[in-house]
Amino acid sequence: MERVLEPELMDDWEQAHAYHKADFERSHGQRVELVRSFFPSLRLTGTVLDLGCGSGDVLFRFARAYPKASFLGVDGSQPMIDLARKEIETHPELNSHVDFLVTTLPSDAIPQQPYDLVMSHSLLHHLHNPVVLWDCIESLAVLGTKICVVDLKRPESAETARAIVDALAIGEPEILRRDFFNSLCAAFTAAEVEEQLQGTGISGLSVREVGDMYLAIYGERAIE
């Protein structure tokens, strides 16, 4: 199946709200452990940057797991960031070390500072030009920065994509089911991601298939 582009931003309130209310325990619940498996000695005490944080579900999971770190979530959707900020109001234990920024990539608004970890979860497939993400990571990661991008993997056919939606989004609103299908069709294959990385200045990143539905791209910035 050829890649089918979808809108880059979830800037519709109904769309953002449906995403925020969805049950992502299956897909997001193991993200912290997945990153720990890639970096067994990971100790986060500095700043973590989450590119395309959406309404903050994955970011909050990391913030709970690493209370000594600071977190900056970046997203281009104002409704998504509004939902993230509203959510954090009910979790004062996170409020002191989590912040959010509304901006689209590429962006000069993201602070240029050392980051312990630059991560991104389910942003890559939204981008019409995926190099934007890799260039952003290259410009922000310094020597020793850990990098982890997790995203959907494009199925072989539209029929397979529909079967995945039917199996995993039972009972979800139709708008979410539609977006899930569109995201699967807009995702990349492992070979395509490896080709993207060859054109960047980031070396040493590994591309791994995680289960039947995800790709993980991870490594450590070794060259300034």
C-alpha atoms as a PDB file:
ATOM      1  CA  MET A   1       0.000   0.000   0.000  1.00  0.00           C
ATOM      2  CA  GLU A   2       1.284   3.449  -0.915  1.00  0.00           C
ATOM      3  CA  ARG A   3       1.389   6.071   1.802  1.00  0.00           C
ATOM      4  CA  VAL A   4      -1.722   8.285   1.993  1.00  0.00           C
ATOM      5  CA  LEU A   5      -1.159  11.653   3.655  1.00  0.00           C
ATOM      6  CA  GLU A   6      -3.398  12.895   6.459  1.00  0.00           C
ATOM      7  CA  PRO A   7      -3.665  16.382   8.005  1.00  0.00           C
ATOM      8  CA  GLU A   8      -0.564  17.297   9.977  1.00  0.00           C
ATOM      9  CA  LEU A   9      -2.451  18.803  12.929  1.00  0.00           C
ATOM     10  CA  MET A  10      -5.360  17.663  15.077  1.00  0.00           C
ATOM     11  CA  ASP A  11      -6.599  21.229  15.470  1.00  0.00           C
ATOM     12  CA  ASP A  12     -10.320  20.439  15.536  1.00  0.00           C
ATOM     13  CA  TRP A  13     -11.715  20.425  19.089  1.00  0.00           C
ATOM     14  CA  GLU A  14     -13.971  17.377  18.558  1.00  0.00           C
ATOM     15  CA  GLN A  15     -11.102  15.435  17.025  1.00  0.00           C
ATOM     16  CA  ALA A  16      -8.686  16.376  19.817  1.00  0.00           C
ATOM     17  CA  HIS A  17     -11.233  15.578  22.534  1.00  0.00           C
ATOM     18  CA  ALA A  18     -11.973  12.131  21.051  1.00  0.00           C
ATOM     19  CA  TYR A  19      -8.253  11.367  20.991  1.00  0.00           C
ATOM     20  CA  HIS A  20      -7.805  12.596  24.561  1.00  0.00           C
ATOM     21  CA  LYS A  21     -10.636  10.402  25.858  1.00  0.00           C
ATOM     22  CA  ALA A  22      -9.528   7.257  24.026  1.00  0.00           C
ATOM     23  CA  ASP A  23      -8.110   4.280  25.910  1.00  0.00           C
ATOM     24  CA  PHE A  24      -4.390   4.162  25.058  1.00  0.00           C
ATOM     25  CA  GLU A  25      -3.335   1.784  27.816  1.00  0.00           C
ATOM     26  CA  ARG A  26      -2.479  -0.938  25.294  1.00  0.00           C
ATOM     27  CA  SER A  27      -0.361   1.309  23.088  1.00  0.00           C
ATOM     28  CA  HIS A  28       1.057   3.754  25.648  1.00  0.00           C
ATOM     29  CA  GLY A  29       1.144   1.655  28.785  1.00  0.00           C
ATOM     30  CA  GLN A  30       4.531   0.083  28.065  1.00  0.00           C
ATOM     31  CA  ARG A  31       6.307   3.092  26.553  1.00  0.00           C
ATOM     32  CA  VAL A  32       8.371   3.832  29.659  1.00  0.00           C
ATOM     33  CA  GLU A  33       9.549   0.228  29.885  1.00  0.00           C
ATOM     34  CA  LEU A  34      10.235   0.174  26.156  1.00  0.00           C
ATOM     35  CA  VAL A  35      12.553   3.182  26.451  1.00  0.00           C
ATOM     36  CA  ARG A  36      14.214   1.630  29.501  1.00  0.00           C
ATOM     37  CA  SER A  37      14.872  -1.517  27.472  1.00  0.00           C
ATOM     38  CA  PHE A  38      16.647   0.565  24.826  1.00  0.00           C
ATOM     39  CA  PHE A  39      18.678   2.465  27.450  1.00  0.00           C
ATOM     40  CA  PRO A  40      19.180   0.139  30.472  1.00  0.00           C
ATOM     41  CA  SER A  41      21.214   2.696  32.425  1.00  0.00           C
ATOM     42  CA  LEU A  42      18.819   5.564  31.776  1.00  0.00           C
ATOM     43  CA  ARG A  43      18.692   8.074  34.619  1.00  0.00           C
ATOM     44  CA  LEU A  44      16.639  11.173  33.869  1.00  0.00           C
ATOM     45  CA  THR A  45      17.373  14.152  36.099  1.00  0.00           C
ATOM     46  CA  GLY A  46      17.639  16.920  33.494  1.00  0.00           C
ATOM     47  CA  THR A  47      15.111  17.927  30.833  1.00  0.00           C
ATOM     48  CA  VAL A  48      13.103  15.635  28.559  1.00  0.00           C
ATOM     49  CA  LEU A  49      11.648  17.001  25.321  1.00  0.00           C
ATOM     50  CA  ASP A  50       8.506  15.386  23.883  1.00  0.00           C
ATOM     51  CA  LEU A  51       7.882  16.395  20.262  1.00  0.00           C
ATOM     52  CA  GLY A  52       4.246  16.032  19.218  1.00  0.00           C
ATOM     53  CA  CYS A  53       3.053  15.406  22.765  1.00  0.00           C
ATOM     54  CA  GLY A  54      -0.654  15.683  21.928  1.00  0.00           C
ATOM     55  CA  SER A  55      -2.756  15.892  25.077  1.00  0.00           C
ATOM     56  CA  GLY A  56       0.120  14.562  27.157  1.00  0.00           C
ATOM     57  CA  ASP A  57      -0.704  10.931  27.905  1.00  0.00           C
ATOM     58  CA  VAL A  58       2.769   9.509  27.190  1.00  0.00           C
ATOM     59  CA  LEU A  59       4.531  12.538  28.670  1.00  0.00           C
ATOM     60  CA  PHE A  60       2.594  12.165  31.944  1.00  0.00           C
ATOM     61  CA  ARG A  61       3.607   8.513  32.162  1.00  0.00           C
ATOM     62  CA  PHE A  62       7.271   9.478  31.887  1.00  0.00           C
ATOM     63  CA  ALA A  63       6.875  12.350  34.341  1.00  0.00           C
ATOM     64  CA  ARG A  64       5.488   9.934  36.954  1.00  0.00           C
ATOM     65  CA  ALA A  65       8.294   7.450  36.306  1.00  0.00           C
ATOM     66  CA  TYR A  66      11.010  10.123  36.512  1.00  0.00           C
ATOM     67  CA  PRO A  67       9.944  12.706  39.115  1.00  0.00           C
ATOM     68  CA  LYS A  68      13.434  14.271  39.269  1.00  0.00           C
ATOM     69  CA  ALA A  69      13.368  15.257  35.588  1.00  0.00           C
ATOM     70  CA  SER A  70      11.724  18.257  33.941  1.00  0.00           C
ATOM     71  CA  PHE A  71       9.503  17.757  30.894  1.00  0.00           C
ATOM     72  CA  LEU A  72       8.624  20.001  27.975  1.00  0.00           C
ATOM     73  CA  GLY A  73       5.825  18.874  25.694  1.00  0.00           C
ATOM     74  CA  VAL A  74       5.605  20.463  22.242  1.00  0.00           C
ATOM     75  CA  ASP A  75       2.640  20.256  19.883  1.00  0.00           C
ATOM     76  CA  GLY A  76       1.244  22.346  17.051  1.00  0.00           C
ATOM     77  CA  SER A  77      -2.386  21.834  18.072  1.00  0.00           C
ATOM     78  CA  GLN A  78      -3.783  24.413  20.492  1.00  0.00           C
ATOM     79  CA  PRO A  79      -6.741  22.168  21.431  1.00  0.00           C
ATOM     80  CA  MET A  80      -4.350  19.325  22.300  1.00  0.00           C
ATOM     81  CA  ILE A  81      -2.201  21.548  24.508  1.00  0.00           C
ATOM     82  CA  ASP A  82      -5.313  23.019  26.150  1.00  0.00           C
ATOM     83  CA  LEU A  83      -6.436  19.494  27.034  1.00  0.00           C
ATOM     84  CA  ALA A  84      -2.969  18.655  28.386  1.00  0.00           C
ATOM     85  CA  ARG A  85      -2.928  21.750  30.573  1.00  0.00           C
ATOM     86  CA  LYS A  86      -6.425  21.038  31.845  1.00  0.00           C
ATOM     87  CA  GLU A  87      -5.428  17.457  32.661  1.00  0.00           C
ATOM     88  CA  ILE A  88      -2.366  18.496  34.622  1.00  0.00           C
ATOM     89  CA  GLU A  89      -4.456  20.796  36.828  1.00  0.00           C
ATOM     90  CA  THR A  90      -5.790  17.646  38.499  1.00  0.00           C
ATOM     91  CA  HIS A  91      -2.270  16.266  39.080  1.00  0.00           C
ATOM     92  CA  PRO A  92      -0.386  18.809  41.204  1.00  0.00           C
ATOM     93  CA  GLU A  93       2.483  16.357  41.715  1.00  0.00           C
ATOM     94  CA  LEU A  94       3.311  16.793  38.014  1.00  0.00           C
ATOM     95  CA  ASN A  95       2.571  20.470  37.640  1.00  0.00           C
ATOM     96  CA  SER A  96       5.909  21.632  39.025  1.00  0.00           C
ATOM     97  CA  HIS A  97       8.055  19.761  36.486  1.00  0.00           C
ATOM     98  CA  VAL A  98       5.928  19.629  33.319  1.00  0.00           C
ATOM     99  CA  ASP A  99       5.429  22.453  30.833  1.00  0.00           C
ATOM    100  CA  PHE A 100       3.943  22.763  27.355  1.00  0.00           C
ATOM    101  CA  LEU A 101       4.622  24.795  24.229  1.00  0.00           C
ATOM    102  CA  VAL A 102       2.401  25.318  21.192  1.00  0.00           C
ATOM    103  CA  THR A 103       4.546  25.443  18.051  1.00  0.00           C
ATOM    104  CA  THR A 104       4.929  23.569  14.776  1.00  0.00           C
ATOM    105  CA  LEU A 105       8.154  22.103  13.429  1.00  0.00           C
ATOM    106  CA  PRO A 106      10.585  23.469  12.450  1.00  0.00           C
ATOM    107  CA  SER A 107      10.527  25.972  15.302  1.00  0.00           C
ATOM    108  CA  ASP A 108      12.925  28.445  16.859  1.00  0.00           C
ATOM    109  CA  ALA A 109      10.628  28.613  19.893  1.00  0.00           C
ATOM    110  CA  ILE A 110      11.887  25.325  21.340  1.00  0.00           C
ATOM    111  CA  PRO A 111      14.609  26.148  23.886  1.00  0.00           C
ATOM    112  CA  GLN A 112      18.145  25.341  22.755  1.00  0.00           C
ATOM    113  CA  GLN A 113      19.435  23.576  25.843  1.00  0.00           C
ATOM    114  CA  PRO A 114      20.887  20.178  26.748  1.00  0.00           C
ATOM    115  CA  TYR A 115      18.212  17.460  26.816  1.00  0.00           C
ATOM    116  CA  ASP A 116      18.647  14.109  28.545  1.00  0.00           C
ATOM    117  CA  LEU A 117      16.084  12.564  26.201  1.00  0.00           C
ATOM    118  CA  VAL A 118      14.360  13.757  23.036  1.00  0.00           C
ATOM    119  CA  MET A 119      11.343  11.573  22.358  1.00  0.00           C
ATOM    120  CA  SER A 120       8.374  11.541  20.028  1.00  0.00           C
ATOM    121  CA  HIS A 121       5.334   9.280  20.023  1.00  0.00           C
ATOM    122  CA  SER A 122       3.003   9.108  17.009  1.00  0.00           C
ATOM    123  CA  LEU A 123       4.115  12.359  15.380  1.00  0.00           C
ATOM    124  CA  LEU A 124       6.126  11.040  12.449  1.00  0.00           C
ATOM    125  CA  HIS A 125       3.177   9.707  10.459  1.00  0.00           C
ATOM    126  CA  HIS A 126       1.438  13.108  10.607  1.00  0.00           C
ATOM    127  CA  LEU A 127       4.299  14.902   8.877  1.00  0.00           C
ATOM    128  CA  HIS A 128       4.039  15.386   5.138  1.00  0.00           C
ATOM    129  CA  ASN A 129       7.818  15.850   5.104  1.00  0.00           C
ATOM    130  CA  PRO A 130       9.298  13.512   7.742  1.00  0.00           C
ATOM    131  CA  VAL A 131      12.748  15.078   7.442  1.00  0.00           C
ATOM    132  CA  VAL A 132      11.360  17.977   9.498  1.00  0.00           C
ATOM    133  CA  LEU A 133      11.359  15.758  12.592  1.00  0.00           C
ATOM    134  CA  TRP A 134      14.848  14.359  12.040  1.00  0.00           C
ATOM    135  CA  ASP A 135      16.285  17.828  11.364  1.00  0.00           C
ATOM    136  CA  CYS A 136      14.653  19.126  14.538  1.00  0.00           C
ATOM    137  CA  ILE A 137      16.096  16.289  16.601  1.00  0.00           C
ATOM    138  CA  GLU A 138      19.514  16.801  15.053  1.00  0.00           C
ATOM    139  CA  SER A 139      19.463  20.499  15.956  1.00  0.00           C
ATOM    140  CA  LEU A 140      18.396  19.897  19.564  1.00  0.00           C
ATOM    141  CA  ALA A 141      20.255  16.735  20.585  1.00  0.00           C
ATOM    142  CA  VAL A 142      23.731  17.215  22.036  1.00  0.00           C
ATOM    143  CA  LEU A 143      26.472  14.726  22.797  1.00  0.00           C
ATOM    144  CA  GLY A 144      24.942  12.024  25.003  1.00  0.00           C
ATOM    145  CA  THR A 145      21.293  12.928  24.378  1.00  0.00           C
ATOM    146  CA  LYS A 146      19.122   9.815  24.152  1.00  0.00           C
ATOM    147  CA  ILE A 147      16.709   9.747  21.199  1.00  0.00           C
ATOM    148  CA  CYS A 148      13.563   7.625  20.936  1.00  0.00           C
ATOM    149  CA  VAL A 149      10.828   7.934  18.317  1.00  0.00           C
ATOM    150  CA  VAL A 150       7.923   5.482  18.379  1.00  0.00           C
ATOM    151  CA  ASP A 151       5.346   5.518  15.623  1.00  0.00           C
ATOM    152  CA  LEU A 152       2.860   3.426  13.725  1.00  0.00           C
ATOM    153  CA  LYS A 153       3.997   1.049  10.996  1.00  0.00           C
ATOM    154  CA  ARG A 154       2.058   1.141   7.735  1.00  0.00           C
ATOM    155  CA  PRO A 155       0.160  -2.104   7.015  1.00  0.00           C
ATOM    156  CA  GLU A 156       0.460  -3.884   3.701  1.00  0.00           C
ATOM    157  CA  SER A 157      -3.057  -2.967   2.587  1.00  0.00           C
ATOM    158  CA  ALA A 158      -6.058  -0.797   3.382  1.00  0.00           C
ATOM    159  CA  GLU A 159      -7.959  -3.968   4.237  1.00  0.00           C
ATOM    160  CA  THR A 160      -5.379  -4.840   6.882  1.00  0.00           C
ATOM    161  CA  ALA A 161      -5.591  -1.293   8.257  1.00  0.00           C
ATOM    162  CA  ARG A 162      -9.384  -1.595   8.556  1.00  0.00           C
ATOM    163  CA  ALA A 163      -9.037  -4.959  10.301  1.00  0.00           C
ATOM    164  CA  ILE A 164      -6.644  -3.386  12.839  1.00  0.00           C
ATOM    165  CA  VAL A 165      -9.111  -0.577  13.510  1.00  0.00           C
ATOM    166  CA  ASP A 166     -11.974  -3.042  13.917  1.00  0.00           C
ATOM    167  CA  ALA A 167      -9.945  -5.142  16.336  1.00  0.00           C
ATOM    168  CA  LEU A 168      -8.449  -2.382  18.484  1.00  0.00           C
ATOM    169  CA  ALA A 169     -10.967   0.471  18.382  1.00  0.00           C
ATOM    170  CA  ILE A 170     -14.125  -1.401  19.306  1.00  0.00           C
ATOM    171  CA  GLY A 171     -16.684   0.975  20.791  1.00  0.00           C
ATOM    172  CA  GLU A 172     -14.631   4.094  20.083  1.00  0.00           C
ATOM    173  CA  PRO A 173     -16.304   7.113  18.419  1.00  0.00           C
ATOM    174  CA  GLU A 174     -16.391   7.034  14.638  1.00  0.00           C
ATOM    175  CA  ILE A 175     -14.191  10.136  14.421  1.00  0.00           C
ATOM    176  CA  LEU A 176     -11.445   8.291  16.339  1.00  0.00           C
ATOM    177  CA  ARG A 177     -11.821   5.155  14.223  1.00  0.00           C
ATOM    178  CA  ARG A 178     -11.504   7.276  11.087  1.00  0.00           C
ATOM    179  CA  ASP A 179      -8.402   9.038  12.375  1.00  0.00           C
ATOM    180  CA  PHE A 180      -6.831   5.729  13.420  1.00  0.00           C
ATOM    181  CA  PHE A 181      -7.364   4.290   9.937  1.00  0.00           C
ATOM    182  CA  ASN A 182      -5.983   7.430   8.296  1.00  0.00           C
ATOM    183  CA  SER A 183      -2.945   7.358  10.583  1.00  0.00           C
ATOM    184  CA  LEU A 184      -2.163   3.740   9.703  1.00  0.00           C
ATOM    185  CA  CYS A 185      -2.346   4.624   6.001  1.00  0.00           C
ATOM    186  CA  ALA A 186      -0.099   7.660   6.551  1.00  0.00           C
ATOM    187  CA  ALA A 187       2.567   5.770   8.521  1.00  0.00           C
ATOM    188  CA  PHE A 188       5.954   4.654   7.212  1.00  0.00           C
ATOM    189  CA  THR A 189       7.629   1.295   6.794  1.00  0.00           C
ATOM    190  CA  ALA A 190      10.924   0.454   8.481  1.00  0.00           C
ATOM    191  CA  ALA A 191      12.729   0.656   5.125  1.00  0.00           C
ATOM    192  CA  GLU A 192      11.347   4.132   4.487  1.00  0.00           C
ATOM    193  CA  VAL A 193      12.471   5.367   7.904  1.00  0.00           C
ATOM    194  CA  GLU A 194      15.959   3.948   7.382  1.00  0.00           C
ATOM    195  CA  GLU A 195      16.125   5.820   4.078  1.00  0.00           C
ATOM    196  CA  GLN A 196      15.051   9.031   5.826  1.00  0.00           C
ATOM    197  CA  LEU A 197      17.813   8.660   8.395  1.00  0.00           C
ATOM    198  CA  GLN A 198      20.462   8.233   5.709  1.00  0.00           C
ATOM    199  CA  GLY A 199      19.799  11.803   4.618  1.00  0.00           C
ATOM    200  CA  THR A 200      20.252  13.299   8.083  1.00  0.00           C
ATOM    201  CA  GLY A 201      23.256  14.178  10.174  1.00  0.00           C
ATOM    202  CA  ILE A 202      22.215  11.775  12.926  1.00  0.00           C
ATOM    203  CA  SER A 203      24.182   8.552  12.927  1.00  0.00           C
ATOM    204  CA  GLY A 204      23.834   5.420  15.012  1.00  0.00           C
ATOM    205  CA  LEU A 205      20.060   5.254  15.313  1.00  0.00           C
ATOM    206  CA  SER A 206      18.489   1.790  15.186  1.00  0.00           C
ATOM    207  CA  VAL A 207      15.131   1.049  13.560  1.00  0.00           C
ATOM    208  CA  ARG A 208      13.172  -1.796  15.122  1.00  0.00           C
ATOM    209  CA  GLU A 209       9.709  -3.206  14.580  1.00  0.00           C
ATOM    210  CA  VAL A 210       7.846  -3.405  17.885  1.00  0.00           C
ATOM    211  CA  GLY A 211       5.057  -5.933  17.714  1.00  0.00           C
ATOM    212  CA  ASP A 212       2.824  -5.931  14.649  1.00  0.00           C
ATOM    213  CA  MET A 213       1.964  -2.249  14.584  1.00  0.00           C
ATOM    214  CA  TYR A 214       4.840  -0.020  15.671  1.00  0.00           C
ATOM    215  CA  LEU A 215       8.315   1.139  14.751  1.00  0.00           C
ATOM    216  CA  ALA A 216      10.901   2.364  17.241  1.00  0.00           C
ATOM    217  CA  ILE A 217      13.851   4.503  16.223  1.00  0.00           C
ATOM    218  CA  TYR A 218      16.348   4.962  19.015  1.00  0.00           C
ATOM    219  CA  GLY A 219      19.954   5.649  19.925  1.00  0.00           C
ATOM    220  CA  GLU A 220      22.305   8.168  21.478  1.00  0.00           C
ATOM    221  CA  ARG A 221      23.753  11.298  19.935  1.00  0.00           C
ATOM    222  CA  ALA A 222      27.422  10.446  19.643  1.00  0.00           C
ATOM    223  CA  ILE A 223      28.703  13.209  17.340  1.00  0.00           C
ATOM    224  CA  GLU A 224      28.249  16.967  17.741  1.00  0.00           C
END
